[in-house]
C-alpha atoms as a PDB file:
ATOM      1  CA  MET A   1       0.000   0.000   0.000  1.00  0.00           C
ATOM      2  CA  ASN A   2       2.904   2.362   0.639  1.00  0.00           C
ATOM      3  CA  GLU A   3       3.742   2.357  -3.066  1.00  0.00           C
ATOM      4  CA  ILE A   4       0.174   3.332  -3.944  1.00  0.00           C
ATOM      5  CA  ILE A   5       0.120   6.199  -1.437  1.00  0.00           C
ATOM      6  CA  HIS A   6       3.507   7.455  -2.633  1.00  0.00           C
ATOM      7  CA  SER A   7       2.346   7.455  -6.248  1.00  0.00           C
ATOM      8  CA  LEU A   8      -0.868   9.279  -5.305  1.00  0.00           C
ATOM      9  CA  LYS A   9       1.050  11.969  -3.450  1.00  0.00           C
ATOM     10  CA  GLN A  10       3.617  12.454  -6.211  1.00  0.00           C
ATOM     11  CA  LYS A  11       1.614  11.851  -9.382  1.00  0.00           C
ATOM     12  CA  GLY A  12      -2.022  12.062  -8.297  1.00  0.00           C
ATOM     13  CA  ILE A  13      -2.760   8.540  -9.543  1.00  0.00           C
ATOM     14  CA  SER A  14      -1.741   4.918  -8.952  1.00  0.00           C
ATOM     15  CA  ARG A  15      -2.625   1.905 -11.083  1.00  0.00           C
ATOM     16  CA  ASN A  16      -1.535  -0.910  -8.778  1.00  0.00           C
ATOM     17  CA  LEU A  17      -5.058  -2.292  -8.313  1.00  0.00           C
ATOM     18  CA  ASN A  18      -6.814  -5.148 -10.083  1.00  0.00           C
ATOM     19  CA  LEU A  19     -10.144  -6.965  -9.866  1.00  0.00           C
ATOM     20  CA  PRO A  20     -10.325 -10.782  -9.689  1.00  0.00           C
ATOM     21  CA  ALA A  21     -11.637 -12.519 -12.816  1.00  0.00           C
ATOM     22  CA  GLN A  22     -14.796 -13.701 -11.038  1.00  0.00           C
ATOM     23  CA  ILE A  23     -15.820 -10.154 -10.080  1.00  0.00           C
ATOM     24  CA  ILE A  24     -15.113  -8.888 -13.602  1.00  0.00           C
ATOM     25  CA  GLN A  25     -17.329 -11.608 -15.069  1.00  0.00           C
ATOM     26  CA  GLU A  26     -20.170 -11.067 -12.577  1.00  0.00           C
ATOM     27  CA  ILE A  27     -20.404  -7.328 -13.175  1.00  0.00           C
ATOM     28  CA  ARG A  28     -19.976  -7.609 -16.931  1.00  0.00           C
ATOM     29  CA  ASP A  29     -22.667 -10.295 -17.155  1.00  0.00           C
ATOM     30  CA  LEU A  30     -25.055  -8.018 -15.264  1.00  0.00           C
ATOM     31  CA  ALA A  31     -24.227  -5.110 -17.564  1.00  0.00           C
ATOM     32  CA  LEU A  32     -24.864  -7.218 -20.661  1.00  0.00           C
ATOM     33  CA  THR A  33     -28.275  -8.391 -19.425  1.00  0.00           C
ATOM     34  CA  THR A  34     -29.604  -5.199 -17.814  1.00  0.00           C
ATOM     35  CA  PRO A  35     -30.865  -2.126 -19.727  1.00  0.00           C
ATOM     36  CA  CYS A  36     -28.784   1.048 -19.486  1.00  0.00           C
ATOM     37  CA  HIS A  37     -29.972   4.584 -20.146  1.00  0.00           C
ATOM     38  CA  GLU A  38     -28.672   7.851 -21.482  1.00  0.00           C
ATOM     39  CA  PRO A  39     -27.224  10.313 -18.938  1.00  0.00           C
ATOM     40  CA  ASN A  40     -30.009  12.492 -17.496  1.00  0.00           C
ATOM     41  CA  ASN A  41     -32.637  10.561 -19.459  1.00  0.00           C
ATOM     42  CA  THR A  42     -33.874   7.574 -17.482  1.00  0.00           C
ATOM     43  CA  ARG A  43     -36.985   7.271 -19.674  1.00  0.00           C
ATOM     44  CA  PHE A  44     -34.880   6.034 -22.572  1.00  0.00           C
ATOM     45  CA  SER A  45     -33.156   2.707 -21.999  1.00  0.00           C
ATOM     46  CA  CYS A  46     -31.977  -0.281 -24.016  1.00  0.00           C
ATOM     47  CA  ASP A  47     -29.919  -3.442 -23.757  1.00  0.00           C
ATOM     48  CA  VAL A  48     -26.328  -3.151 -24.933  1.00  0.00           C
ATOM     49  CA  SER A  49     -27.003  -5.775 -27.596  1.00  0.00           C
ATOM     50  CA  GLU A  50     -29.653  -3.480 -29.104  1.00  0.00           C
ATOM     51  CA  LYS A  51     -27.630  -0.264 -29.204  1.00  0.00           C
ATOM     52  CA  GLU A  52     -26.799  -0.381 -32.929  1.00  0.00           C
ATOM     53  CA  GLN A  53     -30.428  -0.924 -33.859  1.00  0.00           C
ATOM     54  CA  VAL A  54     -31.545   1.822 -31.470  1.00  0.00           C
ATOM     55  CA  MET A  55     -29.056   4.323 -32.921  1.00  0.00           C
ATOM     56  CA  MET A  56     -30.264   3.560 -36.446  1.00  0.00           C
ATOM     57  CA  GLN A  57     -33.879   4.080 -35.448  1.00  0.00           C
ATOM     58  CA  ARG A  58     -33.154   7.338 -33.596  1.00  0.00           C
ATOM     59  CA  GLU A  59     -30.614   8.597 -36.132  1.00  0.00           C
ATOM     60  CA  LYS A  60     -28.663   9.796 -33.111  1.00  0.00           C
ATOM     61  CA  PRO A  61     -25.507   8.302 -31.563  1.00  0.00           C
ATOM     62  CA  LEU A  62     -25.700   6.701 -28.137  1.00  0.00           C
ATOM     63  CA  ILE A  63     -22.462   7.882 -26.551  1.00  0.00           C
ATOM     64  CA  ARG A  64     -22.883   6.699 -22.971  1.00  0.00           C
ATOM     65  CA  GLY A  65     -25.013   4.097 -21.248  1.00  0.00           C
ATOM     66  CA  ILE A  66     -25.548   4.520 -17.497  1.00  0.00           C
ATOM     67  CA  TYR A  67     -26.829   1.912 -15.035  1.00  0.00           C
ATOM     68  CA  ASP A  68     -29.118   2.644 -12.122  1.00  0.00           C
ATOM     69  CA  ASN A  69     -29.549   0.941  -8.743  1.00  0.00           C
ATOM     70  CA  THR A  70     -30.700  -2.318 -10.313  1.00  0.00           C
ATOM     71  CA  ILE A  71     -27.041  -3.153 -10.859  1.00  0.00           C
ATOM     72  CA  LEU A  72     -25.402  -0.812  -8.362  1.00  0.00           C
ATOM     73  CA  SER A  73     -27.228  -2.553  -5.504  1.00  0.00           C
ATOM     74  CA  CYS A  74     -25.889  -5.988  -6.435  1.00  0.00           C
ATOM     75  CA  PRO A  75     -23.841  -7.702  -3.680  1.00  0.00           C
ATOM     76  CA  THR A  76     -20.658  -7.769  -5.775  1.00  0.00           C
ATOM     77  CA  ILE A  77     -20.546  -3.991  -6.234  1.00  0.00           C
ATOM     78  CA  LYS A  78     -21.773  -3.244  -2.696  1.00  0.00           C
ATOM     79  CA  LYS A  79     -18.922  -5.389  -1.367  1.00  0.00           C
ATOM     80  CA  LEU A  80     -16.397  -3.266  -3.258  1.00  0.00           C
ATOM     81  CA  GLU A  81     -17.788  -0.135  -1.597  1.00  0.00           C
ATOM     82  CA  THR A  82     -16.680  -1.539   1.769  1.00  0.00           C
ATOM     83  CA  ASP A  83     -13.556  -3.338   0.578  1.00  0.00           C
ATOM     84  CA  PRO A  84     -10.906  -3.117   3.346  1.00  0.00           C
ATOM     85  CA  THR A  85      -8.051  -2.446   0.901  1.00  0.00           C
ATOM     86  CA  LEU A  86      -9.846   0.434  -0.833  1.00  0.00           C
ATOM     87  CA  LEU A  87     -10.928   1.938   2.481  1.00  0.00           C
ATOM     88  CA  ALA A  88      -7.388   1.665   3.870  1.00  0.00           C
ATOM     89  CA  ILE A  89      -5.941   3.455   0.835  1.00  0.00           C
ATOM     90  CA  ALA A  90      -8.551   6.209   1.104  1.00  0.00           C
ATOM     91  CA  ALA A  91      -8.105   6.585   4.882  1.00  0.00           C
ATOM     92  CA  THR A  92      -4.323   6.812   4.636  1.00  0.00           C
ATOM     93  CA  TYR A  93      -4.247   9.226   1.724  1.00  0.00           C
ATOM     94  CA  LEU A  94      -7.056  11.470   2.985  1.00  0.00           C
ATOM     95  CA  ASN A  95      -5.820  11.234   6.592  1.00  0.00           C
ATOM     96  CA  ALA A  96      -9.420  10.805   7.694  1.00  0.00           C
ATOM     97  CA  GLU A  97     -12.221   8.294   7.855  1.00  0.00           C
ATOM     98  CA  PRO A  98     -13.372   7.751   4.255  1.00  0.00           C
ATOM     99  CA  ILE A  99     -17.052   8.046   3.396  1.00  0.00           C
ATOM    100  CA  HIS A 100     -18.453   6.356   0.309  1.00  0.00           C
ATOM    101  CA  HIS A 101     -19.862   9.164  -1.825  1.00  0.00           C
ATOM    102  CA  ASP A 102     -21.020   7.649  -5.112  1.00  0.00           C
ATOM    103  CA  THR A 103     -20.834   4.617  -7.407  1.00  0.00           C
ATOM    104  CA  GLN A 104     -21.327   4.616 -11.158  1.00  0.00           C
ATOM    105  CA  LEU A 105     -21.210   1.926 -13.815  1.00  0.00           C
ATOM    106  CA  TRP A 106     -21.322   3.026 -17.425  1.00  0.00           C
ATOM    107  CA  TRP A 107     -20.500   2.216 -21.026  1.00  0.00           C
ATOM    108  CA  SER A 108     -18.608   4.563 -23.299  1.00  0.00           C
ATOM    109  CA  PHE A 109     -19.815   3.443 -26.706  1.00  0.00           C
ATOM    110  CA  ALA A 110     -17.776   3.592 -29.876  1.00  0.00           C
ATOM    111  CA  VAL A 111     -19.274   6.214 -32.172  1.00  0.00           C
ATOM    112  CA  GLU A 112     -18.384   7.470 -35.609  1.00  0.00           C
ATOM    113  CA  SER A 113     -17.037  11.007 -35.599  1.00  0.00           C
ATOM    114  CA  THR A 114     -15.477  13.436 -38.023  1.00  0.00           C
ATOM    115  CA  LEU A 115     -11.828  14.448 -37.885  1.00  0.00           C
ATOM    116  CA  TYR A 116     -12.956  17.875 -36.629  1.00  0.00           C
ATOM    117  CA  GLU A 117     -14.994  16.296 -33.794  1.00  0.00           C
ATOM    118  CA  ARG A 118     -12.069  14.082 -32.749  1.00  0.00           C
ATOM    119  CA  ARG A 119      -9.738  17.076 -32.710  1.00  0.00           C
ATOM    120  CA  GLN A 120     -12.228  19.077 -30.632  1.00  0.00           C
ATOM    121  CA  GLU A 121     -12.606  16.282 -28.078  1.00  0.00           C
ATOM    122  CA  ALA A 122      -8.843  15.912 -27.780  1.00  0.00           C
ATOM    123  CA  GLN A 123      -8.708  19.498 -26.507  1.00  0.00           C
ATOM    124  CA  ARG A 124     -11.092  19.161 -23.572  1.00  0.00           C
ATOM    125  CA  PHE A 125      -9.395  18.759 -20.186  1.00  0.00           C
ATOM    126  CA  TYR A 126     -11.300  19.321 -16.960  1.00  0.00           C
ATOM    127  CA  ARG A 127     -11.204  18.727 -13.203  1.00  0.00           C
ATOM    128  CA  ALA A 128     -13.939  16.951 -11.224  1.00  0.00           C
ATOM    129  CA  THR A 129     -13.414  19.020  -8.075  1.00  0.00           C
ATOM    130  CA  ASN A 130     -11.170  21.382  -6.124  1.00  0.00           C
ATOM    131  CA  ASN A 131     -11.774  19.354  -2.968  1.00  0.00           C
ATOM    132  CA  PRO A 132      -8.385  18.114  -1.677  1.00  0.00           C
ATOM    133  CA  ARG A 133     -10.086  15.397   0.373  1.00  0.00           C
ATOM    134  CA  SER A 134     -11.644  13.077  -2.198  1.00  0.00           C
ATOM    135  CA  LEU A 135     -10.515  10.045  -4.204  1.00  0.00           C
ATOM    136  CA  THR A 136     -11.953   8.090  -7.123  1.00  0.00           C
ATOM    137  CA  PHE A 137     -11.284   4.409  -7.839  1.00  0.00           C
ATOM    138  CA  TYR A 138     -11.751   3.218 -11.440  1.00  0.00           C
ATOM    139  CA  PHE A 139     -12.015  -0.375 -12.648  1.00  0.00           C
ATOM    140  CA  TYR A 140     -12.177  -1.446 -16.288  1.00  0.00           C
ATOM    141  CA  LEU A 141     -14.568  -4.314 -17.018  1.00  0.00           C
ATOM    142  CA  THR A 142     -13.411  -4.579 -20.645  1.00  0.00           C
ATOM    143  CA  ASP A 143     -10.001  -4.464 -22.300  1.00  0.00           C
ATOM    144  CA  VAL A 144      -9.046  -0.830 -22.933  1.00  0.00           C
ATOM    145  CA  ASP A 145      -6.529   0.371 -25.502  1.00  0.00           C
ATOM    146  CA  LEU A 146      -6.023   3.726 -27.217  1.00  0.00           C
ATOM    147  CA  CYS A 147      -9.113   3.045 -29.365  1.00  0.00           C
ATOM    148  CA  SER A 148     -11.340   2.377 -26.338  1.00  0.00           C
ATOM    149  CA  ASN A 149     -11.566   5.848 -24.786  1.00  0.00           C
ATOM    150  CA  PRO A 150      -8.971   5.253 -22.046  1.00  0.00           C
ATOM    151  CA  HIS A 151      -9.147   7.452 -18.992  1.00  0.00           C
ATOM    152  CA  VAL A 152      -6.521  10.183 -19.466  1.00  0.00           C
ATOM    153  CA  CYS A 153      -4.926  11.730 -16.382  1.00  0.00           C
ATOM    154  CA  VAL A 154      -2.587  14.714 -16.210  1.00  0.00           C
ATOM    155  CA  LEU A 155       0.098  13.650 -13.753  1.00  0.00           C
ATOM    156  CA  GLU A 156       0.983  16.041 -10.906  1.00  0.00           C
ATOM    157  CA  SER A 157      -2.029  18.255 -11.701  1.00  0.00           C
ATOM    158  CA  HIS A 158      -3.536  17.599  -8.254  1.00  0.00           C
ATOM    159  CA  ARG A 159      -0.860  19.652  -6.502  1.00  0.00           C
ATOM    160  CA  LYS A 160       0.560  21.877  -9.216  1.00  0.00           C
ATOM    161  CA  LYS A 161      -1.878  24.506 -10.477  1.00  0.00           C
ATOM    162  CA  LYS A 162      -1.574  28.018 -11.715  1.00  0.00           C
ATOM    163  CA  LEU A 163      -3.978  30.594 -10.297  1.00  0.00           C
ATOM    164  CA  ALA A 164      -6.513  30.358 -13.114  1.00  0.00           C
ATOM    165  CA  TYR A 165      -6.785  26.582 -12.654  1.00  0.00           C
ATOM    166  CA  ARG A 166      -7.610  27.009  -8.992  1.00  0.00           C
ATOM    167  CA  PHE A 167     -10.524  29.389  -9.435  1.00  0.00           C
ATOM    168  CA  LEU A 168     -11.932  28.878 -12.930  1.00  0.00           C
ATOM    169  CA  SER A 169     -14.117  25.825 -13.520  1.00  0.00           C
ATOM    170  CA  LYS A 170     -13.956  25.178 -17.250  1.00  0.00           C
ATOM    171  CA  ASP A 171     -12.400  22.985 -19.921  1.00  0.00           C
ATOM    172  CA  TYR A 172      -8.819  23.637 -21.004  1.00  0.00           C
ATOM    173  CA  SER A 173      -7.053  22.978 -24.285  1.00  0.00           C
ATOM    174  CA  LEU A 174      -4.376  20.396 -24.966  1.00  0.00           C
ATOM    175  CA  GLN A 175      -2.013  23.252 -25.784  1.00  0.00           C
ATOM    176  CA  ASP A 176      -2.639  24.960 -22.447  1.00  0.00           C
ATOM    177  CA  ILE A 177      -2.329  21.759 -20.405  1.00  0.00           C
ATOM    178  CA  SER A 178       0.747  20.420 -22.214  1.00  0.00           C
ATOM    179  CA  LYS A 179       2.500  23.796 -21.993  1.00  0.00           C
ATOM    180  CA  TYR A 180       2.059  23.964 -18.206  1.00  0.00           C
ATOM    181  CA  TYR A 181       2.444  20.293 -17.218  1.00  0.00           C
ATOM    182  CA  GLY A 182       4.457  18.886 -20.118  1.00  0.00           C
ATOM    183  CA  TYR A 183       3.077  16.578 -22.757  1.00  0.00           C
ATOM    184  CA  HIS A 184       4.814  13.625 -21.100  1.00  0.00           C
ATOM    185  CA  ASN A 185       2.517  14.006 -18.081  1.00  0.00           C
ATOM    186  CA  ILE A 186      -0.663  13.494 -20.151  1.00  0.00           C
ATOM    187  CA  THR A 187      -1.115   9.774 -19.512  1.00  0.00           C
ATOM    188  CA  PRO A 188      -3.756   7.422 -20.979  1.00  0.00           C
ATOM    189  CA  MET A 189      -4.662   4.523 -18.694  1.00  0.00           C
ATOM    190  CA  CYS A 190      -4.752   1.396 -20.870  1.00  0.00           C
ATOM    191  CA  GLY A 191      -4.946  -2.219 -19.759  1.00  0.00           C
ATOM    192  CA  LYS A 192      -6.785  -5.503 -19.687  1.00  0.00           C
ATOM    193  CA  ALA A 193     -10.207  -6.011 -18.131  1.00  0.00           C
ATOM    194  CA  GLY A 194      -9.847  -5.814 -14.357  1.00  0.00           C
ATOM    195  CA  LEU A 195      -7.300  -2.996 -14.369  1.00  0.00           C
ATOM    196  CA  GLY A 196      -7.928  -0.690 -11.432  1.00  0.00           C
ATOM    197  CA  PHE A 197      -6.454   2.665 -10.555  1.00  0.00           C
ATOM    198  CA  VAL A 198      -7.103   5.355  -7.983  1.00  0.00           C
ATOM    199  CA  GLU A 199      -6.933   9.080  -8.688  1.00  0.00           C
ATOM    200  CA  ASP A 200      -6.959  12.263  -6.658  1.00  0.00           C
ATOM    201  CA  ALA A 201     -10.177  13.941  -7.831  1.00  0.00           C
ATOM    202  CA  ARG A 202      -8.353  17.257  -8.305  1.00  0.00           C
ATOM    203  CA  CYS A 203      -6.357  15.917 -11.247  1.00  0.00           C
ATOM    204  CA  PHE A 204      -7.103  17.124 -14.751  1.00  0.00           C
ATOM    205  CA  ARG A 205      -8.512  14.438 -17.025  1.00  0.00           C
ATOM    206  CA  LYS A 206      -9.610  14.392 -20.652  1.00  0.00           C
ATOM    207  CA  LYS A 207     -13.045  13.942 -22.143  1.00  0.00           C
ATOM    208  CA  SER A 208     -13.250  11.793 -25.248  1.00  0.00           C
ATOM    209  CA  SER A 209     -15.304   9.112 -26.972  1.00  0.00           C
ATOM    210  CA  PRO A 210     -14.031   5.708 -28.103  1.00  0.00           C
ATOM    211  CA  SER A 211     -13.174   5.465 -31.766  1.00  0.00           C
ATOM    212  CA  SER A 212     -13.677   1.725 -32.301  1.00  0.00           C
ATOM    213  CA  ASN A 213     -14.166  -0.246 -29.063  1.00  0.00           C
ATOM    214  CA  ASP A 214     -16.737   0.081 -26.272  1.00  0.00           C
ATOM    215  CA  ARG A 215     -15.534   0.557 -22.689  1.00  0.00           C
ATOM    216  CA  LEU A 216     -17.300  -0.538 -19.490  1.00  0.00           C
ATOM    217  CA  THR A 217     -16.107   1.197 -16.317  1.00  0.00           C
ATOM    218  CA  LEU A 218     -16.952   0.982 -12.633  1.00  0.00           C
ATOM    219  CA  GLU A 219     -16.274   4.125 -10.595  1.00  0.00           C
ATOM    220  CA  LEU A 220     -16.240   4.401  -6.793  1.00  0.00           C
ATOM    221  CA  LYS A 221     -15.905   7.801  -5.110  1.00  0.00           C
ATOM    222  CA  PHE A 222     -14.833   8.402  -1.524  1.00  0.00           C
ATOM    223  CA  ALA A 223     -14.508  11.620   0.464  1.00  0.00           C
ATOM    224  CA  ALA A 224     -13.031  12.412   3.870  1.00  0.00           C
ATOM    225  CA  LYS A 225     -15.531  12.467   6.708  1.00  0.00           C
ATOM    226  CA  PRO A 226     -15.868  16.094   7.909  1.00  0.00           C
ATOM    227  CA  ARG A 227     -14.064  16.733  11.162  1.00  0.00           C
ATOM    228  CA  SER A 228     -16.151  17.736  14.156  1.00  0.00           C
ATOM    229  CA  ILE A 229     -15.603  21.285  15.385  1.00  0.00           C
END
């Protein structure tokens, strides 16, 4: 665990976590047999196997598929929310009792896009929060390569920020981010199904859509329990 904490403090992220094959299979099987819905549109849902047909009928791409409590309440995922290893990492890094804040399971679907759209998406870096006392654990349930919309983290961006980054909540360009942090610190997280990594929520990350392969991701968020006055 010391290696994970050191990496989090220095880089803002650590990838030394992995899910057992049985857990990967259980969650993926649930995702493949349970309808997902568009973000902020629970009235529209479909099975993953039907997504191509649905997109043709709607003449509109389905970019993300979100799951509700039908899956998130399953014993396998609920057990991860109280996993001793994850809680110990969060407690040590946050220097406080960790509180489970949120769980999400979603697909990033491969969609056709123009060269202009791909270039525009490559420019969009953002931060989830300014809160120095929160962590997010990510687990891939499918193999993820550079064509599968890998999570992209800007290393060291949790502790190194110019004034504008601290107070302005907006997207930033690749040019702006690479100039300040160095292009070498813009790191895509690729790996086989089961790969897990934990990230300081203050890090910059990149929005994008997969170009050829779908990605299924489980996300667990923890925050430090507020201290009593």
